[in-house]
Amino acid sequence: MLRWTITFVVIAIIAAVLGFGGIAGASAGIAKILFFIFIVLFILSLIKGGFKR
């Protein structure tokens, strides 16, 4: 999932450099949502691993 986040950030940067503001904003928004989903899943897996021991 982190790979998708990085992909959308790169797309947003390229679109912003080329002047496509709408596409850059949308890609940055998607990247932000995916990043927060990744963080939540990472924290949940840490908690689950802690209770497993």
N, C-alpha and C. Protein backbone atom coordinates (compact mmCIF):
# COMPACT_ATOMS: atom_id res chain seq x y z
N MET A 1 0.82 -1.19 0.00
CA MET A 1 0.00 0.00 0.00
C MET A 1 0.87 1.26 0.00
N LEU A 2 2.00 1.17 0.64
CA LEU A 2 2.91 2.31 0.65
C LEU A 2 3.44 2.59 -0.76
N ARG A 3 3.57 1.55 -1.56
CA ARG A 3 4.02 1.72 -2.94
C ARG A 3 3.02 2.54 -3.74
N TRP A 4 1.71 2.32 -3.52
CA TRP A 4 0.69 3.11 -4.20
C TRP A 4 0.76 4.56 -3.77
N THR A 5 1.01 4.80 -2.50
CA THR A 5 1.13 6.17 -2.00
C THR A 5 2.27 6.89 -2.68
N ILE A 6 3.41 6.25 -2.78
CA ILE A 6 4.57 6.85 -3.42
C ILE A 6 4.28 7.10 -4.91
N THR A 7 3.57 6.17 -5.55
CA THR A 7 3.22 6.34 -6.96
C THR A 7 2.36 7.58 -7.17
N PHE A 8 1.34 7.76 -6.31
CA PHE A 8 0.46 8.91 -6.46
C PHE A 8 1.18 10.21 -6.12
N VAL A 9 2.12 10.19 -5.20
CA VAL A 9 2.89 11.40 -4.90
C VAL A 9 3.75 11.78 -6.10
N VAL A 10 4.36 10.80 -6.75
CA VAL A 10 5.18 11.08 -7.93
C VAL A 10 4.30 11.62 -9.06
N ILE A 11 3.12 11.04 -9.25
CA ILE A 11 2.20 11.54 -10.27
C ILE A 11 1.80 12.98 -9.96
N ALA A 12 1.54 13.28 -8.69
CA ALA A 12 1.15 14.64 -8.30
C ALA A 12 2.28 15.62 -8.56
N ILE A 13 3.50 15.24 -8.27
CA ILE A 13 4.65 16.13 -8.49
C ILE A 13 4.84 16.39 -9.98
N ILE A 14 4.78 15.35 -10.78
CA ILE A 14 4.95 15.51 -12.23
C ILE A 14 3.83 16.37 -12.81
N ALA A 15 2.59 16.12 -12.38
CA ALA A 15 1.47 16.90 -12.89
C ALA A 15 1.58 18.36 -12.46
N ALA A 16 2.07 18.61 -11.25
CA ALA A 16 2.22 19.99 -10.79
C ALA A 16 3.31 20.72 -11.58
N VAL A 17 4.40 20.02 -11.89
CA VAL A 17 5.47 20.63 -12.67
C VAL A 17 4.98 20.97 -14.08
N LEU A 18 4.15 20.12 -14.64
CA LEU A 18 3.64 20.34 -15.99
C LEU A 18 2.46 21.30 -16.03
N GLY A 19 1.95 21.71 -14.86
CA GLY A 19 0.89 22.70 -14.83
C GLY A 19 -0.52 22.14 -14.77
N PHE A 20 -0.68 20.88 -14.50
CA PHE A 20 -2.00 20.28 -14.39
C PHE A 20 -2.43 20.30 -12.92
N GLY A 21 -3.01 21.40 -12.49
CA GLY A 21 -3.34 21.59 -11.08
C GLY A 21 -4.40 20.65 -10.57
N GLY A 22 -5.42 20.38 -11.37
CA GLY A 22 -6.50 19.50 -10.93
C GLY A 22 -6.04 18.08 -10.70
N ILE A 23 -5.27 17.59 -11.64
CA ILE A 23 -4.75 16.22 -11.53
C ILE A 23 -3.77 16.13 -10.37
N ALA A 24 -2.94 17.17 -10.21
CA ALA A 24 -1.97 17.16 -9.11
C ALA A 24 -2.69 17.16 -7.76
N GLY A 25 -3.73 17.95 -7.63
CA GLY A 25 -4.48 18.00 -6.37
C GLY A 25 -5.18 16.69 -6.06
N ALA A 26 -5.77 16.10 -7.10
CA ALA A 26 -6.45 14.83 -6.90
C ALA A 26 -5.47 13.73 -6.52
N SER A 27 -4.33 13.68 -7.19
CA SER A 27 -3.33 12.65 -6.88
C SER A 27 -2.76 12.84 -5.48
N ALA A 28 -2.55 14.09 -5.09
CA ALA A 28 -2.05 14.35 -3.74
C ALA A 28 -3.09 13.95 -2.69
N GLY A 29 -4.35 14.19 -2.97
CA GLY A 29 -5.41 13.78 -2.05
C GLY A 29 -5.49 12.27 -1.89
N ILE A 30 -5.40 11.57 -3.01
CA ILE A 30 -5.42 10.11 -2.96
C ILE A 30 -4.21 9.59 -2.20
N ALA A 31 -3.05 10.19 -2.45
CA ALA A 31 -1.83 9.76 -1.75
C ALA A 31 -1.96 9.98 -0.25
N LYS A 32 -2.58 11.10 0.15
CA LYS A 32 -2.75 11.38 1.58
C LYS A 32 -3.68 10.36 2.23
N ILE A 33 -4.77 10.03 1.56
CA ILE A 33 -5.70 9.04 2.11
C ILE A 33 -5.04 7.68 2.23
N LEU A 34 -4.33 7.26 1.19
CA LEU A 34 -3.64 5.96 1.24
C LEU A 34 -2.57 5.93 2.32
N PHE A 35 -1.88 7.04 2.51
CA PHE A 35 -0.86 7.10 3.54
C PHE A 35 -1.47 6.91 4.93
N PHE A 36 -2.59 7.58 5.20
CA PHE A 36 -3.21 7.43 6.51
C PHE A 36 -3.79 6.04 6.72
N ILE A 37 -4.32 5.43 5.67
CA ILE A 37 -4.78 4.04 5.78
C ILE A 37 -3.60 3.13 6.09
N PHE A 38 -2.46 3.36 5.43
CA PHE A 38 -1.26 2.57 5.69
C PHE A 38 -0.83 2.72 7.15
N ILE A 39 -0.82 3.94 7.66
CA ILE A 39 -0.41 4.18 9.05
C ILE A 39 -1.34 3.45 10.02
N VAL A 40 -2.64 3.52 9.79
CA VAL A 40 -3.60 2.85 10.68
C VAL A 40 -3.38 1.34 10.65
N LEU A 41 -3.21 0.77 9.46
CA LEU A 41 -2.98 -0.67 9.37
C LEU A 41 -1.66 -1.07 10.02
N PHE A 42 -0.65 -0.23 9.89
CA PHE A 42 0.65 -0.51 10.52
C PHE A 42 0.52 -0.51 12.04
N ILE A 43 -0.18 0.46 12.58
CA ILE A 43 -0.37 0.53 14.04
C ILE A 43 -1.18 -0.66 14.53
N LEU A 44 -2.22 -1.02 13.78
CA LEU A 44 -3.02 -2.19 14.18
C LEU A 44 -2.19 -3.47 14.16
N SER A 45 -1.32 -3.61 13.17
CA SER A 45 -0.49 -4.81 13.13
C SER A 45 0.53 -4.83 14.27
N LEU A 46 1.03 -3.65 14.67
CA LEU A 46 1.92 -3.59 15.82
C LEU A 46 1.20 -3.99 17.10
N ILE A 47 -0.02 -3.52 17.26
CA ILE A 47 -0.80 -3.86 18.45
C ILE A 47 -1.12 -5.35 18.46
N LYS A 48 -1.52 -5.88 17.30
CA LYS A 48 -1.85 -7.30 17.22
C LYS A 48 -0.61 -8.15 17.51
N GLY A 49 0.54 -7.75 17.02
CA GLY A 49 1.78 -8.48 17.28
C GLY A 49 2.17 -8.42 18.75
N GLY A 50 1.87 -7.30 19.40
CA GLY A 50 2.19 -7.17 20.82
C GLY A 50 1.35 -8.07 21.70
N PHE A 51 0.07 -8.25 21.32
CA PHE A 51 -0.80 -9.12 22.09
C PHE A 51 -0.55 -10.60 21.79
N LYS A 52 0.05 -10.88 20.68
CA LYS A 52 0.33 -12.26 20.30
C LYS A 52 1.38 -12.89 21.20
N ARG A 53 2.33 -12.07 21.68
CA ARG A 53 3.37 -12.60 22.54
C ARG A 53 2.81 -12.80 23.89
